[in-house]
Amino acid sequence: MKTTTSLLSAEREQLRAIWNDVYPTQLMHHKSETFDAYINQLEEPEHTLMCANPQPNADSESAIIGWICTFNRNNERWFVLIVDSSCARQGCGTQLLLLALEKYPKLCGWVVEHNDFKKHDGTSYLSPLAFYLKHGFNVTDIRLENEHTSAVKITT
């Protein structure tokens, strides 16, 4: 695991690729600049990266397989979490989430609560809501509805 307040360019590109692979097409970042703009607007970010090869040699770059970022928004600590599809359902998301909750017991996030969206490969985006409920999050009555998504706010 690596925790940092800023991401290297190569890390941003790996995260953008994972983001585009696992999130609905409406949330894709087709250009590095849009992902960079998203990252740059986060207030007091703390990025935790999970790598497939945590001890790369000098000639290799460690492959990121999971990322959780906590940040401030409207006087609350929020998070975003992604796990590479090749590592899904192997405990990576749980491990990252528990690390964040250990440091920030009160977290907020947006979660798509249905399976109606499609990913870039045409498969259904499966809502992670049950995952978050299993880890003690509660669904609020606050919704985010726009041309890109339909989500509900969750909190611990």
N, C-alpha and C. Protein backbone atom coordinates (compact mmCIF):
# COMPACT_ATOMS: atom_id res chain seq x y z
N MET A 1 0.85 -1.18 0.00
CA MET A 1 0.00 0.00 0.00
C MET A 1 0.89 1.24 0.00
N LYS A 2 0.41 2.22 -0.69
CA LYS A 2 1.10 3.51 -0.73
C LYS A 2 0.05 4.57 -0.44
N THR A 3 0.34 5.45 0.51
CA THR A 3 -0.56 6.56 0.81
C THR A 3 0.18 7.85 0.51
N THR A 4 -0.50 8.76 -0.18
CA THR A 4 0.11 10.00 -0.62
C THR A 4 -0.95 11.09 -0.76
N THR A 5 -0.51 12.33 -0.78
CA THR A 5 -1.45 13.44 -1.01
C THR A 5 -1.45 13.89 -2.46
N SER A 6 -0.53 13.36 -3.25
CA SER A 6 -0.51 13.68 -4.67
C SER A 6 -0.13 12.45 -5.47
N LEU A 7 -0.59 12.41 -6.70
CA LEU A 7 -0.36 11.26 -7.57
C LEU A 7 0.64 11.62 -8.66
N LEU A 8 1.49 10.67 -8.99
CA LEU A 8 2.39 10.83 -10.12
C LEU A 8 1.59 10.72 -11.41
N SER A 9 2.12 11.24 -12.48
CA SER A 9 1.44 11.20 -13.77
C SER A 9 1.11 9.76 -14.19
N ALA A 10 2.06 8.85 -14.02
CA ALA A 10 1.84 7.45 -14.39
C ALA A 10 0.74 6.82 -13.53
N GLU A 11 0.67 7.20 -12.26
CA GLU A 11 -0.38 6.68 -11.38
C GLU A 11 -1.75 7.19 -11.83
N ARG A 12 -1.80 8.46 -12.21
CA ARG A 12 -3.06 9.03 -12.69
C ARG A 12 -3.55 8.29 -13.94
N GLU A 13 -2.63 7.99 -14.82
CA GLU A 13 -3.02 7.29 -16.05
C GLU A 13 -3.52 5.87 -15.75
N GLN A 14 -2.85 5.18 -14.85
CA GLN A 14 -3.33 3.84 -14.46
C GLN A 14 -4.72 3.93 -13.83
N LEU A 15 -4.92 4.91 -12.96
CA LEU A 15 -6.22 5.06 -12.30
C LEU A 15 -7.30 5.44 -13.30
N ARG A 16 -6.97 6.30 -14.25
CA ARG A 16 -7.95 6.68 -15.28
C ARG A 16 -8.37 5.45 -16.09
N ALA A 17 -7.42 4.59 -16.42
CA ALA A 17 -7.73 3.37 -17.18
C ALA A 17 -8.65 2.44 -16.37
N ILE A 18 -8.36 2.28 -15.07
CA ILE A 18 -9.22 1.44 -14.23
C ILE A 18 -10.60 2.07 -14.11
N TRP A 19 -10.64 3.38 -13.86
CA TRP A 19 -11.90 4.13 -13.74
C TRP A 19 -12.76 3.87 -14.97
N ASN A 20 -12.16 4.05 -16.15
CA ASN A 20 -12.90 3.90 -17.40
C ASN A 20 -13.35 2.46 -17.63
N ASP A 21 -12.63 1.51 -17.08
CA ASP A 21 -12.97 0.10 -17.23
C ASP A 21 -14.12 -0.32 -16.32
N VAL A 22 -14.15 0.21 -15.09
CA VAL A 22 -15.10 -0.30 -14.11
C VAL A 22 -16.34 0.56 -13.90
N TYR A 23 -16.28 1.84 -14.20
CA TYR A 23 -17.43 2.72 -13.99
C TYR A 23 -18.31 2.78 -15.23
N PRO A 24 -19.56 3.24 -15.07
CA PRO A 24 -20.46 3.39 -16.24
C PRO A 24 -19.88 4.36 -17.27
N THR A 25 -20.28 4.16 -18.52
CA THR A 25 -19.74 4.99 -19.61
C THR A 25 -20.00 6.47 -19.37
N GLN A 26 -21.10 6.82 -18.69
CA GLN A 26 -21.41 8.22 -18.43
C GLN A 26 -20.34 8.91 -17.59
N LEU A 27 -19.56 8.13 -16.85
CA LEU A 27 -18.55 8.70 -15.95
C LEU A 27 -17.13 8.58 -16.50
N MET A 28 -17.00 8.10 -17.73
CA MET A 28 -15.66 7.92 -18.30
C MET A 28 -14.92 9.24 -18.48
N HIS A 29 -13.62 9.16 -18.34
CA HIS A 29 -12.72 10.28 -18.62
C HIS A 29 -11.95 9.89 -19.90
N HIS A 30 -12.43 10.40 -21.03
CA HIS A 30 -11.82 10.05 -22.31
C HIS A 30 -10.45 10.68 -22.49
N LYS A 31 -10.20 11.76 -21.78
CA LYS A 31 -8.91 12.46 -21.88
C LYS A 31 -8.27 12.56 -20.51
N SER A 32 -6.96 12.51 -20.49
CA SER A 32 -6.22 12.67 -19.24
C SER A 32 -6.57 13.97 -18.54
N GLU A 33 -6.81 15.00 -19.33
CA GLU A 33 -7.07 16.33 -18.77
C GLU A 33 -8.33 16.35 -17.90
N THR A 34 -9.36 15.60 -18.29
CA THR A 34 -10.59 15.63 -17.49
C THR A 34 -10.40 14.87 -16.18
N PHE A 35 -9.65 13.78 -16.23
CA PHE A 35 -9.36 13.05 -14.99
C PHE A 35 -8.48 13.90 -14.08
N ASP A 36 -7.47 14.53 -14.66
CA ASP A 36 -6.59 15.42 -13.89
C ASP A 36 -7.40 16.55 -13.25
N ALA A 37 -8.34 17.11 -13.98
CA ALA A 37 -9.18 18.18 -13.44
C ALA A 37 -10.00 17.66 -12.26
N TYR A 38 -10.53 16.43 -12.38
CA TYR A 38 -11.28 15.84 -11.28
C TYR A 38 -10.38 15.71 -10.05
N ILE A 39 -9.20 15.13 -10.22
CA ILE A 39 -8.27 14.93 -9.11
C ILE A 39 -7.85 16.26 -8.50
N ASN A 40 -7.56 17.23 -9.36
CA ASN A 40 -7.05 18.52 -8.88
C ASN A 40 -8.07 19.32 -8.08
N GLN A 41 -9.36 19.07 -8.28
CA GLN A 41 -10.37 19.83 -7.55
C GLN A 41 -10.68 19.23 -6.18
N LEU A 42 -10.15 18.08 -5.87
CA LEU A 42 -10.41 17.45 -4.58
C LEU A 42 -9.69 18.22 -3.47
N GLU A 43 -10.40 18.52 -2.39
CA GLU A 43 -9.83 19.26 -1.27
C GLU A 43 -9.17 18.32 -0.27
N GLU A 44 -7.92 18.58 0.02
CA GLU A 44 -7.14 17.78 0.97
C GLU A 44 -7.24 16.28 0.70
N PRO A 45 -6.88 15.87 -0.53
CA PRO A 45 -7.00 14.45 -0.86
C PRO A 45 -5.94 13.59 -0.15
N GLU A 46 -6.34 12.38 0.15
CA GLU A 46 -5.41 11.37 0.64
C GLU A 46 -5.66 10.11 -0.18
N HIS A 47 -4.70 9.77 -1.01
CA HIS A 47 -4.81 8.63 -1.93
C HIS A 47 -4.12 7.42 -1.31
N THR A 48 -4.80 6.29 -1.30
CA THR A 48 -4.17 5.03 -0.92
C THR A 48 -4.26 4.11 -2.13
N LEU A 49 -3.09 3.66 -2.56
CA LEU A 49 -2.97 2.80 -3.74
C LEU A 49 -2.62 1.39 -3.31
N MET A 50 -3.32 0.43 -3.87
CA MET A 50 -2.99 -0.98 -3.68
C MET A 50 -2.36 -1.46 -4.98
N CYS A 51 -1.20 -2.06 -4.85
CA CYS A 51 -0.46 -2.46 -6.04
C CYS A 51 -0.32 -3.97 -6.13
N ALA A 52 -0.30 -4.47 -7.35
CA ALA A 52 -0.14 -5.91 -7.59
C ALA A 52 1.26 -6.35 -7.20
N ASN A 53 2.22 -5.46 -7.42
CA ASN A 53 3.61 -5.74 -7.12
C ASN A 53 4.11 -4.64 -6.20
N PRO A 54 3.90 -4.79 -4.89
CA PRO A 54 4.21 -3.69 -3.98
C PRO A 54 5.70 -3.35 -3.88
N GLN A 55 6.57 -4.23 -4.31
CA GLN A 55 8.00 -3.97 -4.26
C GLN A 55 8.61 -4.11 -5.66
N PRO A 56 8.25 -3.20 -6.59
CA PRO A 56 8.79 -3.32 -7.94
C PRO A 56 10.29 -3.10 -7.95
N ASN A 57 10.96 -3.73 -8.91
CA ASN A 57 12.39 -3.46 -9.02
C ASN A 57 12.58 -2.11 -9.72
N ALA A 58 13.77 -1.68 -9.81
CA ALA A 58 14.05 -0.34 -10.33
C ALA A 58 13.61 -0.16 -11.77
N ASP A 59 13.50 -1.26 -12.52
CA ASP A 59 13.16 -1.17 -13.93
C ASP A 59 11.67 -1.37 -14.21
N SER A 60 10.89 -1.66 -13.19
CA SER A 60 9.47 -1.91 -13.44
C SER A 60 8.61 -0.94 -12.64
N GLU A 61 7.42 -0.76 -13.15
CA GLU A 61 6.45 0.11 -12.49
C GLU A 61 5.40 -0.77 -11.85
N SER A 62 5.03 -0.46 -10.66
CA SER A 62 4.05 -1.26 -9.95
C SER A 62 2.66 -1.02 -10.54
N ALA A 63 1.94 -2.11 -10.79
CA ALA A 63 0.60 -2.02 -11.35
C ALA A 63 -0.40 -1.75 -10.23
N ILE A 64 -1.17 -0.69 -10.36
CA ILE A 64 -2.20 -0.36 -9.39
C ILE A 64 -3.41 -1.25 -9.63
N ILE A 65 -3.92 -1.85 -8.55
CA ILE A 65 -5.11 -2.70 -8.67
C ILE A 65 -6.28 -2.15 -7.86
N GLY A 66 -6.01 -1.15 -7.01
CA GLY A 66 -7.07 -0.56 -6.22
C GLY A 66 -6.68 0.82 -5.72
N TRP A 67 -7.69 1.64 -5.51
CA TRP A 67 -7.46 3.02 -5.07
C TRP A 67 -8.63 3.50 -4.25
N ILE A 68 -8.33 4.09 -3.12
CA ILE A 68 -9.33 4.84 -2.38
C ILE A 68 -8.75 6.21 -2.13
N CYS A 69 -9.57 7.19 -2.35
CA CYS A 69 -9.17 8.57 -2.10
C CYS A 69 -10.22 9.18 -1.18
N THR A 70 -9.76 9.72 -0.06
CA THR A 70 -10.66 10.48 0.81
C THR A 70 -10.33 11.95 0.61
N PHE A 71 -11.34 12.79 0.78
CA PHE A 71 -11.17 14.22 0.54
C PHE A 71 -12.28 14.99 1.24
N ASN A 72 -12.06 16.27 1.41
CA ASN A 72 -13.06 17.12 2.06
C ASN A 72 -14.00 17.73 1.04
N ARG A 73 -15.28 17.76 1.41
CA ARG A 73 -16.30 18.42 0.58
C ARG A 73 -17.43 18.86 1.53
N ASN A 74 -17.75 20.13 1.51
CA ASN A 74 -18.86 20.66 2.32
C ASN A 74 -18.77 20.24 3.79
N ASN A 75 -17.59 20.39 4.36
CA ASN A 75 -17.35 20.08 5.78
C ASN A 75 -17.58 18.62 6.15
N GLU A 76 -17.44 17.72 5.17
CA GLU A 76 -17.53 16.28 5.41
C GLU A 76 -16.34 15.61 4.72
N ARG A 77 -16.00 14.40 5.17
CA ARG A 77 -14.94 13.62 4.52
C ARG A 77 -15.63 12.64 3.58
N TRP A 78 -15.30 12.74 2.31
CA TRP A 78 -15.87 11.91 1.26
C TRP A 78 -14.83 10.91 0.76
N PHE A 79 -15.28 9.97 -0.06
CA PHE A 79 -14.35 9.01 -0.63
C PHE A 79 -14.79 8.60 -2.03
N VAL A 80 -13.82 8.12 -2.77
CA VAL A 80 -14.04 7.43 -4.04
C VAL A 80 -13.18 6.17 -3.97
N LEU A 81 -13.72 5.06 -4.47
CA LEU A 81 -13.04 3.76 -4.39
C LEU A 81 -13.20 3.03 -5.71
N ILE A 82 -12.09 2.55 -6.24
CA ILE A 82 -12.16 1.68 -7.42
C ILE A 82 -11.18 0.52 -7.26
N VAL A 83 -11.56 -0.62 -7.83
CA VAL A 83 -10.71 -1.81 -7.84
C VAL A 83 -10.70 -2.33 -9.26
N ASP A 84 -9.53 -2.67 -9.75
CA ASP A 84 -9.39 -3.23 -11.09
C ASP A 84 -10.29 -4.46 -11.21
N SER A 85 -10.94 -4.59 -12.36
CA SER A 85 -11.90 -5.69 -12.55
C SER A 85 -11.24 -7.06 -12.41
N SER A 86 -9.93 -7.16 -12.68
CA SER A 86 -9.24 -8.45 -12.54
C SER A 86 -9.11 -8.86 -11.07
N CYS A 87 -9.33 -7.93 -10.16
CA CYS A 87 -9.19 -8.21 -8.72
C CYS A 87 -10.52 -8.12 -7.98
N ALA A 88 -11.60 -7.96 -8.72
CA ALA A 88 -12.91 -7.82 -8.08
C ALA A 88 -13.26 -9.05 -7.26
N ARG A 89 -13.93 -8.83 -6.15
CA ARG A 89 -14.42 -9.89 -5.27
C ARG A 89 -13.29 -10.72 -4.65
N GLN A 90 -12.14 -10.07 -4.44
CA GLN A 90 -11.01 -10.75 -3.80
C GLN A 90 -10.61 -10.07 -2.50
N GLY A 91 -11.42 -9.15 -2.02
CA GLY A 91 -11.14 -8.49 -0.75
C GLY A 91 -10.36 -7.19 -0.85
N CYS A 92 -9.97 -6.81 -2.06
CA CYS A 92 -9.18 -5.57 -2.22
C CYS A 92 -9.99 -4.34 -1.81
N GLY A 93 -11.22 -4.25 -2.26
CA GLY A 93 -12.07 -3.12 -1.92
C GLY A 93 -12.33 -3.04 -0.43
N THR A 94 -12.58 -4.18 0.18
CA THR A 94 -12.80 -4.22 1.63
C THR A 94 -11.57 -3.73 2.37
N GLN A 95 -10.40 -4.21 1.96
CA GLN A 95 -9.17 -3.81 2.62
C GLN A 95 -8.94 -2.30 2.51
N LEU A 96 -9.15 -1.74 1.33
CA LEU A 96 -8.98 -0.30 1.15
C LEU A 96 -10.01 0.48 1.96
N LEU A 97 -11.25 0.05 1.93
CA LEU A 97 -12.30 0.74 2.65
C LEU A 97 -12.05 0.71 4.16
N LEU A 98 -11.65 -0.43 4.69
CA LEU A 98 -11.39 -0.54 6.12
C LEU A 98 -10.23 0.35 6.56
N LEU A 99 -9.22 0.48 5.72
CA LEU A 99 -8.10 1.40 6.02
C LEU A 99 -8.61 2.83 6.13
N ALA A 100 -9.45 3.22 5.19
CA ALA A 100 -9.97 4.59 5.20
C ALA A 100 -10.87 4.81 6.41
N LEU A 101 -11.72 3.83 6.73
CA LEU A 101 -12.64 3.96 7.86
C LEU A 101 -11.90 3.98 9.20
N GLU A 102 -10.75 3.33 9.24
CA GLU A 102 -9.94 3.35 10.47
C GLU A 102 -9.46 4.78 10.76
N LYS A 103 -9.09 5.49 9.72
CA LYS A 103 -8.61 6.86 9.88
C LYS A 103 -9.76 7.86 9.92
N TYR A 104 -10.79 7.62 9.13
CA TYR A 104 -11.94 8.52 9.03
C TYR A 104 -13.22 7.72 9.26
N PRO A 105 -13.63 7.55 10.51
CA PRO A 105 -14.83 6.74 10.80
C PRO A 105 -16.11 7.29 10.17
N LYS A 106 -16.13 8.57 9.87
CA LYS A 106 -17.32 9.19 9.25
C LYS A 106 -16.96 9.52 7.81
N LEU A 107 -17.50 8.76 6.87
CA LEU A 107 -17.24 8.97 5.44
C LEU A 107 -18.55 9.08 4.68
N CYS A 108 -18.50 9.81 3.57
CA CYS A 108 -19.64 9.96 2.68
C CYS A 108 -19.22 9.58 1.26
N GLY A 109 -20.16 9.11 0.48
CA GLY A 109 -19.88 8.80 -0.91
C GLY A 109 -21.15 8.79 -1.74
N TRP A 110 -20.96 8.80 -3.05
CA TRP A 110 -22.07 8.65 -3.99
C TRP A 110 -22.05 7.24 -4.53
N VAL A 111 -23.22 6.60 -4.61
CA VAL A 111 -23.30 5.24 -5.13
C VAL A 111 -24.49 5.12 -6.07
N VAL A 112 -24.23 4.57 -7.25
CA VAL A 112 -25.32 4.24 -8.16
C VAL A 112 -26.06 3.07 -7.52
N GLU A 113 -27.38 3.19 -7.41
CA GLU A 113 -28.13 2.17 -6.66
C GLU A 113 -28.90 1.19 -7.55
N HIS A 114 -28.65 1.23 -8.85
CA HIS A 114 -29.34 0.29 -9.75
C HIS A 114 -28.33 -0.28 -10.74
N ASN A 115 -28.77 -1.24 -11.52
CA ASN A 115 -27.89 -1.90 -12.49
C ASN A 115 -28.25 -1.53 -13.93
N ASP A 116 -28.80 -0.34 -14.14
CA ASP A 116 -29.27 0.08 -15.46
C ASP A 116 -28.19 0.65 -16.36
N PHE A 117 -27.07 1.08 -15.82
CA PHE A 117 -26.02 1.67 -16.64
C PHE A 117 -25.14 0.58 -17.25
N LYS A 118 -24.49 0.94 -18.35
CA LYS A 118 -23.57 0.03 -19.03
C LYS A 118 -22.14 0.53 -18.89
N LYS A 119 -21.21 -0.42 -18.89
CA LYS A 119 -19.78 -0.08 -18.91
C LYS A 119 -19.35 0.02 -20.38
N HIS A 120 -18.12 0.47 -20.60
CA HIS A 120 -17.64 0.69 -21.97
C HIS A 120 -17.65 -0.57 -22.82
N ASP A 121 -17.56 -1.74 -22.19
CA ASP A 121 -17.55 -3.00 -22.95
C ASP A 121 -18.97 -3.54 -23.20
N GLY A 122 -19.98 -2.78 -22.78
CA GLY A 122 -21.36 -3.18 -23.02
C GLY A 122 -21.99 -4.00 -21.90
N THR A 123 -21.19 -4.42 -20.93
CA THR A 123 -21.74 -5.18 -19.81
C THR A 123 -22.41 -4.23 -18.82
N SER A 124 -23.27 -4.78 -18.01
CA SER A 124 -23.97 -3.97 -17.02
C SER A 124 -23.03 -3.54 -15.90
N TYR A 125 -23.21 -2.29 -15.47
CA TYR A 125 -22.52 -1.80 -14.28
C TYR A 125 -23.34 -2.29 -13.10
N LEU A 126 -22.72 -3.09 -12.25
CA LEU A 126 -23.41 -3.64 -11.10
C LEU A 126 -23.22 -2.72 -9.90
N SER A 127 -24.31 -2.26 -9.34
CA SER A 127 -24.27 -1.34 -8.21
C SER A 127 -23.50 -1.94 -7.04
N PRO A 128 -22.59 -1.16 -6.45
CA PRO A 128 -21.87 -1.63 -5.26
C PRO A 128 -22.60 -1.33 -3.95
N LEU A 129 -23.86 -0.94 -4.03
CA LEU A 129 -24.59 -0.53 -2.83
C LEU A 129 -24.58 -1.61 -1.75
N ALA A 130 -24.81 -2.86 -2.11
CA ALA A 130 -24.83 -3.95 -1.12
C ALA A 130 -23.48 -4.07 -0.41
N PHE A 131 -22.39 -3.85 -1.13
CA PHE A 131 -21.05 -3.88 -0.55
C PHE A 131 -20.94 -2.84 0.56
N TYR A 132 -21.40 -1.62 0.28
CA TYR A 132 -21.28 -0.55 1.27
C TYR A 132 -22.23 -0.77 2.45
N LEU A 133 -23.41 -1.28 2.20
CA LEU A 133 -24.33 -1.59 3.29
C LEU A 133 -23.73 -2.65 4.21
N LYS A 134 -23.06 -3.63 3.61
CA LYS A 134 -22.41 -4.70 4.38
C LYS A 134 -21.32 -4.13 5.29
N HIS A 135 -20.73 -3.01 4.88
CA HIS A 135 -19.65 -2.40 5.66
C HIS A 135 -20.13 -1.24 6.53
N GLY A 136 -21.42 -1.20 6.82
CA GLY A 136 -21.93 -0.27 7.80
C GLY A 136 -22.39 1.08 7.29
N PHE A 137 -22.42 1.27 5.99
CA PHE A 137 -22.91 2.53 5.45
C PHE A 137 -24.44 2.55 5.47
N ASN A 138 -24.98 3.75 5.50
CA ASN A 138 -26.42 3.95 5.46
C ASN A 138 -26.77 4.79 4.24
N VAL A 139 -27.92 4.52 3.66
CA VAL A 139 -28.40 5.28 2.52
C VAL A 139 -29.15 6.50 3.04
N THR A 140 -28.82 7.67 2.49
CA THR A 140 -29.54 8.89 2.87
C THR A 140 -30.64 9.15 1.85
N ASP A 141 -31.38 10.22 2.06
CA ASP A 141 -32.41 10.59 1.07
C ASP A 141 -31.88 11.66 0.10
N ILE A 142 -30.57 11.87 0.11
CA ILE A 142 -29.95 12.86 -0.78
C ILE A 142 -29.53 12.17 -2.07
N ARG A 143 -29.98 12.73 -3.18
CA ARG A 143 -29.70 12.13 -4.49
C ARG A 143 -28.91 13.07 -5.37
N LEU A 144 -28.14 12.49 -6.27
CA LEU A 144 -27.41 13.23 -7.30
C LEU A 144 -27.98 12.78 -8.64
N GLU A 145 -28.63 13.68 -9.30
CA GLU A 145 -29.24 13.37 -10.60
C GLU A 145 -28.76 14.41 -11.60
N ASN A 146 -28.07 13.95 -12.65
CA ASN A 146 -27.67 14.85 -13.72
C ASN A 146 -27.51 14.05 -15.01
N GLU A 147 -26.99 14.68 -16.05
CA GLU A 147 -26.85 14.00 -17.34
C GLU A 147 -25.83 12.87 -17.30
N HIS A 148 -25.00 12.83 -16.26
CA HIS A 148 -23.96 11.80 -16.17
C HIS A 148 -24.33 10.60 -15.29
N THR A 149 -25.13 10.86 -14.27
CA THR A 149 -25.38 9.77 -13.34
C THR A 149 -26.66 9.96 -12.54
N SER A 150 -26.99 8.91 -11.85
CA SER A 150 -28.08 8.90 -10.88
C SER A 150 -27.52 8.13 -9.70
N ALA A 151 -27.34 8.83 -8.56
CA ALA A 151 -26.69 8.20 -7.41
C ALA A 151 -27.36 8.66 -6.12
N VAL A 152 -27.09 7.91 -5.08
CA VAL A 152 -27.58 8.23 -3.75
C VAL A 152 -26.38 8.43 -2.84
N LYS A 153 -26.52 9.34 -1.89
CA LYS A 153 -25.45 9.59 -0.93
C LYS A 153 -25.51 8.53 0.17
N ILE A 154 -24.33 7.98 0.49
CA ILE A 154 -24.21 7.02 1.59
C ILE A 154 -23.28 7.63 2.64
N THR A 155 -23.51 7.26 3.90
CA THR A 155 -22.66 7.73 4.99
C THR A 155 -22.49 6.62 6.03
N THR A 156 -21.43 6.75 6.80
CA THR A 156 -21.24 5.83 7.92
C THR A 156 -21.87 6.42 9.15
